[in-house]
């Protein structure tokens, strides 16, 4: 029987996942919801005979998921805490997965656990790359290494262009949002992308030795919920080149990271980040054409006390939208197979073996993550 899939948010990451799922599920039909006519047109072009579009801003008008088997939510920024798409999926009895990578948005979805259990539907938050594939790699490490009692996730990314506005808002939000850290049986919070949280790591090429900073990613929330016995769950991130970390930290703290800040320019009231986004794109478009290599790397380190025991690494020579698209597509395929427990959870609710099986197959199909999962023992 063909599956009906509702995809909300057809930006770079949403279209990345859409293309993969359309190729993997030739009998599936898709409904795409986005508030941008341009995004909708690009999404419809992926498979015009099987995709229908709806121009809608779900933050203002909600969404109807009736008749859907699966809802995929890419409509950020997630730190604003909307649960409209998840509630629509629960009401329709459809499985749900989102690409939320903010701690606040994650908790908003986890709070729907009882409602999802009552409707007997799986509601998964934090699909994608980090969180997402990172969580499955952590579960793999924990099952294979009984001496590991802590997890550190370290992501590094270098992009070719400024990307979408929601992504930029997320990046700058991480510089002002509290960063969750599970330590010694309780949740602590630190400040994101601050020099005092810097740690040096030896990671796989092309990066080598890097500095990474506490980030407001939700892996500590869902991994600690899955394994409360762990002594540490921490997520650190780094932009490449290194000066970009300080630049983003400064921009966030002088105002661009605050979503409730507006300014008046002429007769219009705007958020400052919109000006920054347009400036970055204008600068990008005005630069002479040149090769801008993009890399995304996730390192998941299993610790015994403070000592690293093993590290699982995945590296993709592309923007993070491709890796995130693969992670979401893997979660979607796993949910469509069934046998995922009802309730609101992180991706740990999807058996990691199944998630990583789809990750590997999609990577081969898409020509991504050429080295697969690289295991380093210390």
Protein backbone atom coordinates (compact mmCIF):
# COMPACT_ATOMS: atom_id res chain seq x y z
CA UNK A 1 0.00 0.00 0.00
CA UNK A 2 1.36 3.42 -0.92
CA UNK A 3 2.15 5.79 1.93
CA UNK A 4 0.89 9.35 2.36
CA UNK A 5 3.54 11.74 3.69
CA UNK A 6 3.06 15.33 4.81
CA UNK A 7 6.25 17.41 4.71
CA UNK A 8 6.15 20.82 6.37
CA UNK A 9 8.90 23.29 5.45
CA UNK A 10 10.41 22.88 1.98
CA UNK A 11 13.64 24.81 2.47
CA UNK A 12 17.10 23.40 1.73
CA UNK A 13 16.85 20.61 4.30
CA UNK A 14 13.23 19.74 3.62
CA UNK A 15 13.82 19.44 -0.13
CA UNK A 16 16.96 17.39 0.50
CA UNK A 17 14.98 14.81 2.46
CA UNK A 18 12.03 15.00 0.06
CA UNK A 19 14.21 14.07 -2.90
CA UNK A 20 15.67 11.09 -1.06
CA UNK A 21 12.29 9.79 0.07
CA UNK A 22 10.77 10.26 -3.38
CA UNK A 23 13.55 8.11 -4.83
CA UNK A 24 13.31 5.48 -2.08
CA UNK A 25 9.49 5.31 -2.08
CA UNK A 26 8.36 5.41 -5.73
CA UNK A 27 4.74 4.63 -4.77
CA UNK A 28 4.45 7.21 -1.98
CA UNK A 29 2.48 10.42 -2.40
CA UNK A 30 3.52 13.66 -0.76
CA UNK A 31 1.80 16.81 0.41
CA UNK A 32 4.12 19.77 0.92
CA UNK A 33 3.22 22.76 3.09
CA UNK A 34 5.32 25.92 3.05
CA UNK A 35 4.72 29.65 3.38
CA UNK A 36 7.10 30.43 0.49
CA UNK A 37 5.85 30.13 -3.11
CA UNK A 38 9.45 29.69 -4.27
CA UNK A 39 10.08 26.78 -1.91
CA UNK A 40 6.81 25.14 -2.93
CA UNK A 41 7.65 25.39 -6.62
CA UNK A 42 11.07 23.81 -6.08
CA UNK A 43 9.54 21.00 -4.01
CA UNK A 44 6.80 20.26 -6.56
CA UNK A 45 9.45 19.92 -9.28
CA UNK A 46 10.99 16.92 -7.45
CA UNK A 47 8.17 14.61 -8.56
CA UNK A 48 5.25 16.58 -10.02
CA UNK A 49 3.06 13.53 -10.52
CA UNK A 50 3.18 12.54 -6.84
CA UNK A 51 3.54 15.83 -4.97
CA UNK A 52 0.90 18.43 -4.21
CA UNK A 53 1.63 21.74 -2.54
CA UNK A 54 -0.17 24.02 -0.13
CA UNK A 55 0.84 27.60 0.56
CA UNK A 56 0.35 28.00 4.31
CA UNK A 57 2.08 29.44 7.36
CA UNK A 58 1.38 26.81 10.03
CA UNK A 59 2.46 29.16 12.82
CA UNK A 60 -0.52 31.36 11.92
CA UNK A 61 -3.04 28.92 10.47
CA UNK A 62 -2.15 25.46 11.79
CA UNK A 63 -2.15 22.36 9.58
CA UNK A 64 -4.39 19.36 8.92
CA UNK A 65 -2.70 15.94 8.83
CA UNK A 66 -5.86 13.86 8.20
CA UNK A 67 -5.19 10.87 5.97
CA UNK A 68 -1.43 11.02 6.42
CA UNK A 69 0.75 8.09 7.49
CA UNK A 70 3.72 10.27 8.43
CA UNK A 71 4.39 13.94 9.16
CA UNK A 72 7.88 15.36 8.68
CA UNK A 73 8.40 18.81 10.18
CA UNK A 74 11.25 20.99 8.92
CA UNK A 75 9.58 24.32 9.75
CA UNK A 76 12.04 26.12 12.03
CA UNK A 77 13.18 27.94 13.98
CA UNK A 78 12.19 25.36 16.58
CA UNK A 79 13.29 27.38 19.61
CA UNK A 80 10.03 29.33 19.28
CA UNK A 81 8.40 26.21 20.72
CA UNK A 82 5.53 25.52 18.32
CA UNK A 83 3.92 22.10 18.67
CA UNK A 84 1.19 22.68 16.05
CA UNK A 85 2.53 20.12 13.57
CA UNK A 86 3.05 17.46 16.23
CA UNK A 87 -0.43 17.97 17.64
CA UNK A 88 -1.89 17.72 14.13
CA UNK A 89 -0.07 14.41 13.61
CA UNK A 90 -1.28 13.06 16.96
CA UNK A 91 -4.84 14.09 16.19
CA UNK A 92 -4.67 12.32 12.81
CA UNK A 93 -3.02 9.20 14.23
CA UNK A 94 0.04 9.75 12.04
CA UNK A 95 3.65 9.12 13.00
CA UNK A 96 5.71 12.31 13.39
CA UNK A 97 9.37 13.30 13.20
CA UNK A 98 10.94 16.76 13.22
CA UNK A 99 14.39 18.17 12.62
CA UNK A 100 14.43 20.20 15.85
CA UNK A 101 17.94 20.93 17.09
CA UNK A 102 17.05 23.39 19.86
CA UNK A 103 16.65 22.36 23.48
CA UNK A 104 13.51 24.46 24.02
CA UNK A 105 11.67 23.01 21.03
CA UNK A 106 12.67 19.49 22.02
CA UNK A 107 11.12 19.84 25.45
CA UNK A 108 7.93 21.22 23.90
CA UNK A 109 7.53 18.00 21.89
CA UNK A 110 8.52 15.70 24.78
CA UNK A 111 5.72 17.29 26.79
CA UNK A 112 3.26 15.66 24.36
CA UNK A 113 4.23 12.18 25.54
CA UNK A 114 0.91 11.34 27.22
CA UNK A 115 -1.15 12.59 24.28
CA UNK A 116 0.94 10.53 21.85
CA UNK A 117 0.62 7.43 24.04
CA UNK A 118 -3.16 7.83 24.22
CA UNK A 119 -3.37 7.95 20.42
CA UNK A 120 -0.76 5.16 20.14
CA UNK A 121 1.44 7.09 17.71
CA UNK A 122 5.24 7.57 17.76
CA UNK A 123 6.27 11.22 17.96
CA UNK A 124 10.00 11.67 17.39
CA UNK A 125 11.90 14.91 17.87
CA UNK A 126 15.48 15.59 16.84
CA UNK A 127 15.86 13.75 13.54
CA UNK A 128 18.68 14.75 11.23
CA UNK A 129 22.43 14.75 11.66
CA UNK A 130 23.14 16.23 15.09
CA UNK A 131 20.83 15.44 16.78
CA UNK A 132 19.72 12.34 14.93
CA UNK A 133 22.49 10.19 13.53
CA UNK A 134 24.63 11.35 16.46
CA UNK A 135 22.15 9.78 18.91
CA UNK A 136 22.15 6.44 17.06
CA UNK A 137 25.95 6.43 17.06
CA UNK A 138 25.89 7.09 20.81
CA UNK A 139 23.48 4.17 21.35
CA UNK A 140 25.75 1.95 19.27
CA UNK A 141 28.76 2.90 21.40
CA UNK A 142 26.85 2.32 24.63
CA UNK A 143 25.66 -1.14 23.61
CA UNK A 144 29.10 -2.24 22.37
CA UNK A 145 31.20 -0.81 25.22
CA UNK A 146 29.98 -1.68 28.71
CA UNK A 147 32.73 0.44 30.29
CA UNK A 148 31.49 3.67 28.65
CA UNK A 149 29.61 5.89 31.12
CA UNK A 150 29.62 9.21 29.27
CA UNK A 151 29.01 10.63 25.80
CA UNK A 152 30.43 13.73 24.13
CA UNK A 153 29.12 14.83 20.74
CA UNK A 154 31.33 17.19 18.74
CA UNK A 155 30.04 18.58 15.45
CA UNK A 156 32.00 20.68 12.97
CA UNK A 157 30.67 22.34 9.84
CA UNK A 158 31.92 24.49 7.00
CA UNK A 159 29.28 25.85 4.64
CA UNK A 160 29.50 27.23 1.11
CA UNK A 161 26.84 29.92 1.54
CA UNK A 162 24.80 31.62 4.32
CA UNK A 163 21.90 29.14 3.93
CA UNK A 164 18.31 29.75 4.96
CA UNK A 165 17.09 32.30 7.46
CA UNK A 166 15.83 29.64 9.89
CA UNK A 167 19.26 28.00 9.98
CA UNK A 168 20.98 31.33 10.63
CA UNK A 169 18.48 32.11 13.40
CA UNK A 170 19.22 28.74 14.98
CA UNK A 171 22.98 29.28 14.83
CA UNK A 172 22.77 32.71 16.43
CA UNK A 173 20.21 31.54 18.99
CA UNK A 174 22.76 29.01 20.23
CA UNK A 175 25.02 31.88 21.27
CA UNK A 176 22.47 33.22 23.76
CA UNK A 177 20.46 30.13 24.77
CA UNK A 178 21.37 28.01 27.83
CA UNK A 179 23.20 24.82 26.84
CA UNK A 180 22.01 21.64 28.60
CA UNK A 181 24.66 19.28 30.01
CA UNK A 182 23.73 16.05 31.78
CA UNK A 183 26.30 15.63 34.55
CA UNK A 184 26.20 13.33 37.56
CA UNK A 185 22.47 12.61 37.39
CA UNK A 186 21.19 16.14 36.88
CA UNK A 187 20.90 18.74 34.15
CA UNK A 188 23.23 21.72 34.22
CA UNK A 189 23.26 24.69 31.88
CA UNK A 190 26.16 26.69 30.44
CA UNK A 191 26.56 29.52 27.95
CA UNK A 192 26.94 28.71 24.27
CA UNK A 193 29.96 29.46 22.10
CA UNK A 194 31.83 31.15 24.96
CA UNK A 195 35.65 30.90 25.17
CA UNK A 196 35.47 29.48 28.70
CA UNK A 197 33.66 26.38 27.42
CA UNK A 198 36.25 25.64 24.71
CA UNK A 199 37.82 22.19 24.56
CA UNK A 200 40.35 20.92 22.05
CA UNK A 201 39.71 17.69 20.16
CA UNK A 202 41.71 15.64 17.72
CA UNK A 203 39.19 14.67 15.07
CA UNK A 204 39.28 13.11 11.63
CA UNK A 205 40.53 14.95 8.51
CA UNK A 206 39.95 17.45 7.01
CA UNK A 207 39.76 19.21 10.37
CA UNK A 208 42.49 17.71 12.58
CA UNK A 209 42.76 19.54 15.91
CA UNK A 210 39.87 21.88 16.59
CA UNK A 211 38.32 23.90 19.39
CA UNK A 212 34.65 23.24 20.10
CA UNK A 213 32.25 25.08 22.40
CA UNK A 214 29.15 24.19 24.41
CA UNK A 215 26.07 24.39 22.20
CA UNK A 216 22.35 24.42 22.96
CA UNK A 217 21.71 21.14 21.13
CA UNK A 218 19.20 18.69 22.62
CA UNK A 219 21.21 15.45 22.67
CA UNK A 220 21.74 15.76 26.44
CA UNK A 221 17.96 15.98 26.97
CA UNK A 222 16.97 12.88 25.04
CA UNK A 223 20.04 10.70 25.64
CA UNK A 224 19.85 11.32 29.39
CA UNK A 225 16.13 10.52 29.27
CA UNK A 226 17.01 7.26 27.49
CA UNK A 227 20.02 6.47 29.72
CA UNK A 228 19.76 8.41 33.01
CA UNK A 229 22.61 6.30 34.43
CA UNK A 230 25.17 8.12 32.26
CA UNK A 231 27.59 10.36 34.12
CA UNK A 232 27.93 12.86 31.27
CA UNK A 233 26.10 13.79 28.07
CA UNK A 234 27.44 16.91 26.41
CA UNK A 235 27.26 18.48 22.95
CA UNK A 236 29.93 20.79 21.61
CA UNK A 237 30.14 22.47 18.22
CA UNK A 238 32.61 24.29 16.04
CA UNK A 239 32.37 26.35 12.88
CA UNK A 240 35.17 26.29 10.33
CA UNK A 241 37.29 28.37 9.91
CA UNK A 242 37.90 29.00 13.60
CA UNK A 243 37.34 32.77 13.47
CA UNK A 244 33.69 32.10 12.57
CA UNK A 245 33.04 30.86 16.14
CA UNK A 246 34.05 34.19 17.65
CA UNK A 247 32.19 36.12 14.95
CA UNK A 248 28.92 34.26 15.57
CA UNK A 249 29.33 34.53 19.33
CA UNK A 250 29.78 38.31 19.08
CA UNK A 251 26.92 38.80 16.63
CA UNK A 252 24.58 36.77 18.81
CA UNK A 253 25.33 38.71 21.96
CA UNK A 254 25.07 42.19 20.46
CA UNK A 255 21.48 41.45 19.49
CA UNK A 256 21.20 39.25 16.41
CA UNK A 257 20.61 36.13 18.53
CA UNK A 258 17.55 37.53 20.33
CA UNK A 259 14.32 36.61 18.55
CA UNK A 260 12.24 39.12 20.54
CA UNK A 261 14.29 42.16 19.40
CA UNK A 262 12.93 44.37 16.63
CA UNK A 263 14.01 47.68 15.11
CA UNK A 264 12.20 50.26 12.99
CA UNK A 265 13.69 51.15 9.61
CA UNK A 266 11.64 53.80 7.85
CA UNK A 267 8.05 52.62 8.16
CA UNK A 268 8.87 48.94 8.65
CA UNK A 269 9.48 46.96 11.83
CA UNK A 270 11.93 44.11 11.30
CA UNK A 271 14.11 41.71 13.22
CA UNK A 272 17.80 42.66 12.95
CA UNK A 273 18.71 39.12 11.84
CA UNK A 274 16.83 39.67 8.58
CA UNK A 275 19.22 42.49 7.71
CA UNK A 276 22.22 40.33 8.65
CA UNK A 277 20.92 37.46 6.50
CA UNK A 278 20.44 39.72 3.47
CA UNK A 279 23.90 41.23 4.03
CA UNK A 280 25.57 37.81 4.16
CA UNK A 281 23.83 36.72 0.97
CA UNK A 282 24.67 40.00 -0.79
CA UNK A 283 28.32 39.58 0.18
CA UNK A 284 28.25 35.94 -0.94
CA UNK A 285 26.71 36.81 -4.32
CA UNK A 286 29.10 39.71 -4.88
CA UNK A 287 32.22 37.63 -4.24
CA UNK A 288 34.16 36.36 -7.27
CA UNK A 289 33.21 32.76 -8.10
CA UNK A 290 35.54 30.37 -6.33
CA UNK A 291 35.49 26.92 -4.87
CA UNK A 292 34.14 26.94 -1.32
CA UNK A 293 34.58 23.41 -0.02
CA UNK A 294 31.86 22.38 2.42
CA UNK A 295 32.29 19.73 5.10
CA UNK A 296 30.11 18.37 7.86
CA UNK A 297 31.51 16.07 10.51
CA UNK A 298 29.98 14.46 13.59
CA UNK A 299 32.20 12.88 16.25
CA UNK A 300 30.57 10.85 19.02
CA UNK A 301 33.00 10.02 21.82
CA UNK A 302 32.39 7.35 24.42
CA UNK A 303 34.01 8.17 27.77
CA UNK A 304 34.97 6.21 30.84
CA UNK A 305 35.12 8.90 33.47
CA UNK A 306 37.09 11.71 31.80
CA UNK A 307 39.00 9.41 29.44
CA UNK A 308 37.95 8.76 25.84
CA UNK A 309 37.47 5.08 25.02
CA UNK A 310 36.10 5.10 21.47
CA UNK A 311 34.98 7.63 18.85
CA UNK A 312 32.56 7.11 15.95
CA UNK A 313 32.97 9.67 13.16
CA UNK A 314 30.96 10.45 10.04
CA UNK A 315 32.16 13.03 7.50
CA UNK A 316 30.36 14.39 4.45
CA UNK A 317 31.94 16.66 1.85
CA UNK A 318 28.79 18.71 1.52
CA UNK A 319 26.63 21.22 3.34
CA UNK A 320 24.89 20.06 6.49
CA UNK A 321 21.58 20.07 4.58
CA UNK A 322 22.55 16.80 2.85
CA UNK A 323 23.54 15.02 6.06
CA UNK A 324 20.46 16.35 7.84
CA UNK A 325 18.29 15.22 4.95
CA UNK A 326 19.76 11.71 5.16
CA UNK A 327 19.17 11.54 8.92
CA UNK A 328 15.54 12.63 8.56
CA UNK A 329 14.95 10.27 5.63
CA UNK A 330 16.42 7.40 7.67
CA UNK A 331 14.10 8.19 10.59
CA UNK A 332 11.13 8.46 8.21
CA UNK A 333 11.82 5.08 6.61
CA UNK A 334 12.17 3.49 10.06
CA UNK A 335 8.85 4.99 11.20
CA UNK A 336 7.05 3.79 8.07
CA UNK A 337 8.27 0.26 8.83
CA UNK A 338 6.43 0.41 12.16
CA UNK A 339 7.38 -1.16 15.49
CA UNK A 340 8.45 2.15 17.02
CA UNK A 341 6.90 2.59 20.49
CA UNK A 342 4.15 5.19 20.91
CA UNK A 343 4.85 8.35 22.84
CA UNK A 344 6.99 11.44 22.42
CA UNK A 345 10.71 10.64 22.42
CA UNK A 346 14.04 11.46 20.88
CA UNK A 347 15.34 9.34 18.00
CA UNK A 348 16.61 6.84 20.60
CA UNK A 349 13.10 5.34 20.43
CA UNK A 350 13.96 4.12 16.93
CA UNK A 351 16.21 1.06 17.27
CA UNK A 352 19.66 2.38 16.44
CA UNK A 353 20.51 -0.67 14.33
CA UNK A 354 17.59 0.13 12.05
CA UNK A 355 18.35 3.84 11.95
CA UNK A 356 22.01 3.24 11.06
CA UNK A 357 21.04 0.62 8.45
CA UNK A 358 18.98 3.24 6.63
CA UNK A 359 21.71 5.85 7.14
CA UNK A 360 24.26 3.58 5.45
CA UNK A 361 21.97 2.68 2.55
CA UNK A 362 20.94 6.30 1.93
CA UNK A 363 24.56 7.45 2.09
CA UNK A 364 25.50 4.99 -0.65
CA UNK A 365 22.49 5.98 -2.76
CA UNK A 366 23.26 9.69 -2.40
CA UNK A 367 27.05 9.45 -2.71
CA UNK A 368 27.44 10.89 0.79
CA UNK A 369 29.55 10.06 3.87
CA UNK A 370 32.02 8.22 1.64
CA UNK A 371 34.07 6.78 4.52
CA UNK A 372 31.03 5.43 6.36
CA UNK A 373 31.33 5.23 10.15
CA UNK A 374 34.99 5.50 11.14
CA UNK A 375 35.78 3.94 14.52
CA UNK A 376 38.77 5.22 16.51
CA UNK A 377 39.85 3.51 19.75
CA UNK A 378 41.98 5.29 22.30
